[in-house]
Protein backbone atom coordinates (compact mmCIF):
# COMPACT_ATOMS: atom_id res chain seq x y z
CA MET A 1 -172.82 -223.58 -50.42
CA LYS A 2 -170.73 -220.41 -50.66
CA ARG A 3 -172.60 -217.43 -49.33
CA CYS A 4 -172.45 -213.66 -49.57
CA VAL A 5 -172.96 -211.92 -46.23
CA ILE A 6 -173.85 -208.23 -46.34
CA PHE A 7 -173.79 -205.84 -43.41
CA ALA A 8 -176.22 -202.96 -43.93
CA ALA A 9 -176.28 -199.91 -41.67
CA GLY A 10 -179.62 -200.50 -39.93
CA GLN A 11 -180.48 -201.89 -36.52
CA MET A 12 -178.76 -205.07 -35.39
CA GLU A 13 -178.53 -206.70 -31.99
CA LYS A 14 -176.03 -209.36 -31.02
CA THR A 15 -178.25 -212.12 -29.63
CA PRO A 16 -178.26 -215.95 -29.72
CA LEU A 17 -180.70 -215.63 -32.65
CA LEU A 18 -178.15 -213.83 -34.83
CA PRO A 19 -176.28 -216.35 -37.00
CA GLY A 20 -172.64 -215.37 -37.43
CA PRO A 21 -170.86 -215.57 -40.78
CA ARG A 22 -169.44 -218.97 -41.65
CA GLN A 23 -165.89 -219.68 -42.68
CA GLY A 24 -165.65 -219.08 -46.40
CA ASP A 25 -168.45 -216.50 -46.57
CA PHE A 26 -167.69 -213.44 -48.68
CA VAL A 27 -168.48 -210.43 -46.50
CA ILE A 28 -169.49 -207.01 -47.82
CA ALA A 29 -170.06 -203.96 -45.59
CA ALA A 30 -172.44 -201.44 -47.16
CA ASP A 31 -171.72 -197.90 -45.96
CA ALA A 32 -171.97 -197.70 -42.15
CA GLY A 33 -172.69 -201.42 -42.11
CA ILE A 34 -168.99 -201.56 -41.31
CA ARG A 35 -170.01 -200.74 -37.71
CA ASN A 36 -172.34 -203.73 -37.58
CA ALA A 37 -169.56 -205.94 -38.92
CA ARG A 38 -167.24 -204.63 -36.23
CA ALA A 39 -169.89 -205.40 -33.58
CA LEU A 40 -169.66 -209.08 -34.57
CA GLY A 41 -165.87 -208.98 -34.77
CA VAL A 42 -165.96 -209.44 -38.55
CA THR A 43 -163.53 -207.86 -41.02
CA PRO A 44 -165.30 -207.36 -44.37
CA ASP A 45 -163.74 -208.57 -47.60
CA LEU A 46 -165.17 -205.48 -49.29
CA VAL A 47 -166.51 -202.12 -48.12
CA MET A 48 -168.67 -200.17 -50.56
CA GLY A 49 -171.29 -197.44 -50.80
CA ASP A 50 -171.55 -193.67 -50.73
CA MET A 51 -170.26 -193.73 -47.12
CA ASP A 52 -172.44 -190.76 -46.16
CA SER A 53 -173.26 -192.45 -42.85
CA ALA A 54 -169.67 -193.34 -41.97
CA SER A 55 -166.81 -191.15 -40.82
CA ALA A 56 -163.69 -190.74 -42.94
CA GLU A 57 -161.72 -192.76 -40.38
CA GLU A 58 -164.05 -195.73 -40.84
CA VAL A 59 -163.53 -195.96 -44.61
CA PRO A 60 -160.67 -198.37 -45.36
CA ALA A 61 -158.29 -198.12 -48.27
CA GLY A 62 -159.67 -199.96 -51.27
CA ALA A 63 -163.32 -199.23 -50.50
CA LEU A 64 -165.58 -198.89 -53.56
CA LEU A 65 -167.03 -195.38 -53.35
CA PHE A 66 -170.22 -194.15 -55.05
CA PRO A 67 -171.96 -190.77 -55.27
CA VAL A 68 -174.72 -189.99 -52.78
CA ARG A 69 -177.19 -189.17 -55.59
CA LYS A 70 -177.86 -192.53 -57.25
CA ASP A 71 -180.72 -194.91 -58.00
CA ASP A 72 -179.40 -197.85 -55.95
CA THR A 73 -179.35 -197.95 -52.18
CA ASP A 74 -176.03 -198.95 -50.64
CA LEU A 75 -177.57 -202.33 -49.82
CA MET A 76 -178.67 -202.82 -53.43
CA LEU A 77 -175.17 -201.93 -54.64
CA ALA A 78 -173.81 -204.66 -52.38
CA ILE A 79 -176.41 -207.18 -53.56
CA LYS A 80 -175.62 -206.48 -57.20
CA LYS A 81 -171.92 -206.89 -56.44
CA GLY A 82 -172.56 -210.24 -54.77
CA ILE A 83 -174.57 -211.44 -57.77
CA GLU A 84 -171.82 -210.20 -60.09
CA LEU A 85 -169.32 -212.28 -58.11
CA GLY A 86 -171.46 -215.38 -58.64
CA TYR A 87 -173.19 -215.79 -55.28
CA HIS A 88 -176.74 -217.13 -55.02
CA ASP A 89 -177.18 -217.37 -51.24
CA PHE A 90 -177.31 -214.08 -49.30
CA LEU A 91 -177.48 -213.32 -45.58
CA ILE A 92 -178.11 -209.64 -44.87
CA TYR A 93 -177.67 -208.01 -41.47
CA GLY A 94 -179.06 -204.65 -40.39
CA ALA A 95 -181.78 -204.20 -43.02
CA THR A 96 -184.80 -204.30 -40.67
CA GLY A 97 -186.02 -202.20 -37.75
CA GLY A 98 -185.71 -198.46 -37.44
CA ARG A 99 -187.18 -196.54 -40.37
CA LEU A 100 -190.11 -198.34 -41.98
CA ASP A 101 -189.11 -197.22 -45.49
CA HIS A 102 -185.64 -198.72 -45.05
CA THR A 103 -187.17 -201.97 -43.78
CA PHE A 104 -189.50 -202.14 -46.78
CA ALA A 105 -186.57 -201.45 -49.10
CA GLY A 106 -184.81 -204.41 -47.50
CA ILE A 107 -187.86 -206.59 -48.11
CA GLN A 108 -187.96 -205.47 -51.74
CA SER A 109 -184.30 -206.47 -51.97
CA LEU A 110 -185.37 -210.04 -51.15
CA ALA A 111 -187.78 -209.90 -54.10
CA TYR A 112 -184.94 -208.63 -56.30
CA LEU A 113 -182.79 -211.58 -55.24
CA LEU A 114 -185.60 -214.05 -56.03
CA ALA A 115 -186.07 -212.46 -59.45
CA HIS A 116 -182.39 -213.07 -60.15
CA GLY A 117 -182.40 -216.70 -59.12
CA CYS A 118 -181.00 -216.07 -55.64
CA ARG A 119 -182.18 -216.57 -52.07
CA GLY A 120 -181.89 -213.97 -49.33
CA ILE A 121 -182.41 -213.73 -45.59
CA LEU A 122 -182.61 -210.55 -43.50
CA ALA A 123 -181.51 -210.93 -39.88
CA ASP A 124 -181.05 -208.42 -37.06
CA GLY A 125 -180.89 -210.56 -33.91
CA ARG A 126 -184.60 -210.13 -33.15
CA GLN A 127 -186.18 -210.69 -36.56
CA TRP A 128 -185.58 -213.07 -39.48
CA VAL A 129 -187.14 -212.42 -42.87
CA THR A 130 -187.14 -214.32 -46.15
CA MET A 131 -189.24 -214.92 -49.26
CA LEU A 132 -190.32 -218.25 -50.71
CA ARG A 133 -191.49 -219.11 -54.20
CA GLY A 134 -192.44 -222.66 -55.13
CA GLU A 135 -190.49 -224.24 -52.28
CA THR A 136 -190.53 -225.53 -48.73
CA ALA A 137 -188.36 -224.04 -45.99
CA ALA A 138 -187.57 -225.10 -42.45
CA VAL A 139 -187.96 -222.35 -39.89
CA PRO A 140 -185.14 -221.65 -37.41
CA PRO A 141 -186.21 -222.13 -33.77
CA GLY A 142 -186.31 -219.56 -30.99
CA TYR A 143 -188.72 -216.96 -32.37
CA ARG A 144 -191.98 -216.09 -30.59
CA HIS A 145 -193.94 -215.06 -33.64
CA ILE A 146 -194.11 -216.56 -37.12
CA SER A 147 -195.99 -214.62 -39.76
CA VAL A 148 -196.54 -215.22 -43.47
CA PHE A 149 -197.92 -212.76 -46.02
CA SER A 150 -198.62 -212.88 -49.72
CA TYR A 151 -196.15 -210.52 -51.39
CA THR A 152 -197.83 -211.09 -54.74
CA GLU A 153 -201.56 -210.70 -55.40
CA ALA A 154 -202.15 -214.21 -54.05
CA CYS A 155 -200.23 -217.23 -52.78
CA ARG A 156 -201.72 -220.67 -53.36
CA GLY A 157 -200.81 -224.07 -52.00
CA VAL A 158 -199.60 -222.57 -48.73
CA THR A 159 -198.86 -225.22 -46.11
CA LEU A 160 -197.86 -224.42 -42.52
CA ARG A 161 -196.82 -227.29 -40.28
CA GLY A 162 -195.73 -227.36 -36.65
CA LEU A 163 -197.63 -224.14 -35.88
CA SER A 164 -200.50 -223.24 -33.55
CA TYR A 165 -202.61 -222.41 -36.60
CA PRO A 166 -201.68 -225.01 -39.24
CA LEU A 167 -202.69 -224.72 -42.88
CA GLU A 168 -202.81 -227.27 -45.70
CA GLU A 169 -202.85 -226.12 -49.32
CA GLY A 170 -204.39 -222.79 -48.33
CA GLU A 171 -204.57 -219.46 -50.11
CA LEU A 172 -203.36 -216.08 -48.83
CA THR A 173 -204.11 -212.78 -50.53
CA GLN A 174 -202.21 -209.53 -50.60
CA ASP A 175 -205.08 -207.52 -49.10
CA PHE A 176 -205.79 -209.51 -45.91
CA PRO A 177 -203.32 -210.38 -43.08
CA LEU A 178 -204.59 -213.89 -42.35
CA GLY A 179 -201.08 -215.24 -41.72
CA VAL A 180 -199.96 -212.77 -39.05
CA SER A 181 -198.69 -213.73 -35.57
CA ASN A 182 -198.62 -217.52 -35.57
CA SER A 183 -196.38 -219.52 -33.23
CA ALA A 184 -194.49 -222.80 -33.16
CA VAL A 185 -195.78 -225.82 -31.22
CA GLY A 186 -192.63 -227.89 -31.70
CA ASP A 187 -189.19 -227.86 -33.27
CA ALA A 188 -190.21 -229.17 -36.70
CA VAL A 189 -191.77 -226.11 -38.31
CA SER A 190 -191.99 -225.91 -42.09
CA ILE A 191 -193.56 -223.45 -44.50
CA SER A 192 -194.23 -224.07 -48.17
CA VAL A 193 -195.90 -222.35 -51.09
CA LYS A 194 -196.70 -223.62 -54.59
CA GLU A 195 -197.76 -220.43 -56.39
CA GLY A 196 -196.88 -216.81 -55.71
CA THR A 197 -194.24 -215.19 -53.52
CA LEU A 198 -194.62 -215.72 -49.79
CA LEU A 199 -193.06 -213.30 -47.31
CA VAL A 200 -191.99 -215.00 -44.06
CA ILE A 201 -191.27 -212.88 -40.96
CA LEU A 202 -190.06 -214.36 -37.67
CA SER A 203 -189.89 -212.11 -34.63
CA ASP A 204 -188.70 -212.35 -31.04
CA LEU A 205 -190.13 -208.95 -30.18
CA PRO A 206 -192.99 -208.69 -27.64
């Protein structure tokens, strides 16, 4: 499946847990995300944003420039562009860590993608974040902590397999962190939800 890869300007660490872009991916650098792209040796197909966090020398010819005062974040501009170009699968680097408000904005961007029939993953080399709605997903190996939270008022039919604390057809609510800090007991870890939007956060941090 063709994929849109977006480099945001937040924290990113080049580790074995950071999946590199695949051949054929369409790569967008949002604002100073161009530095994160450079750190992976990637040349973006498109650079866009208000570029207030990048120097003039970093802005290539042909970049799509926007005013600083706007309703969309630079990441959201890139997401909307990817959707406009017909992509449904998104991998986003550098949208977690650092400022909590920026991290939460990145998480809300996953909800925006789901609402528009798309799937998104946030990755920074230490953490991996996605949202599920009415589906089952395999979990990539190598992370110490696996946490699930109800992003909507409640999630029903939640099943966790291959984890220290398994769950079959359970319910999670938005006001209690029952699903925090689980861990894998094997390589075949899967997470599913039947109703509601489930936030999945994997972490290799202590």
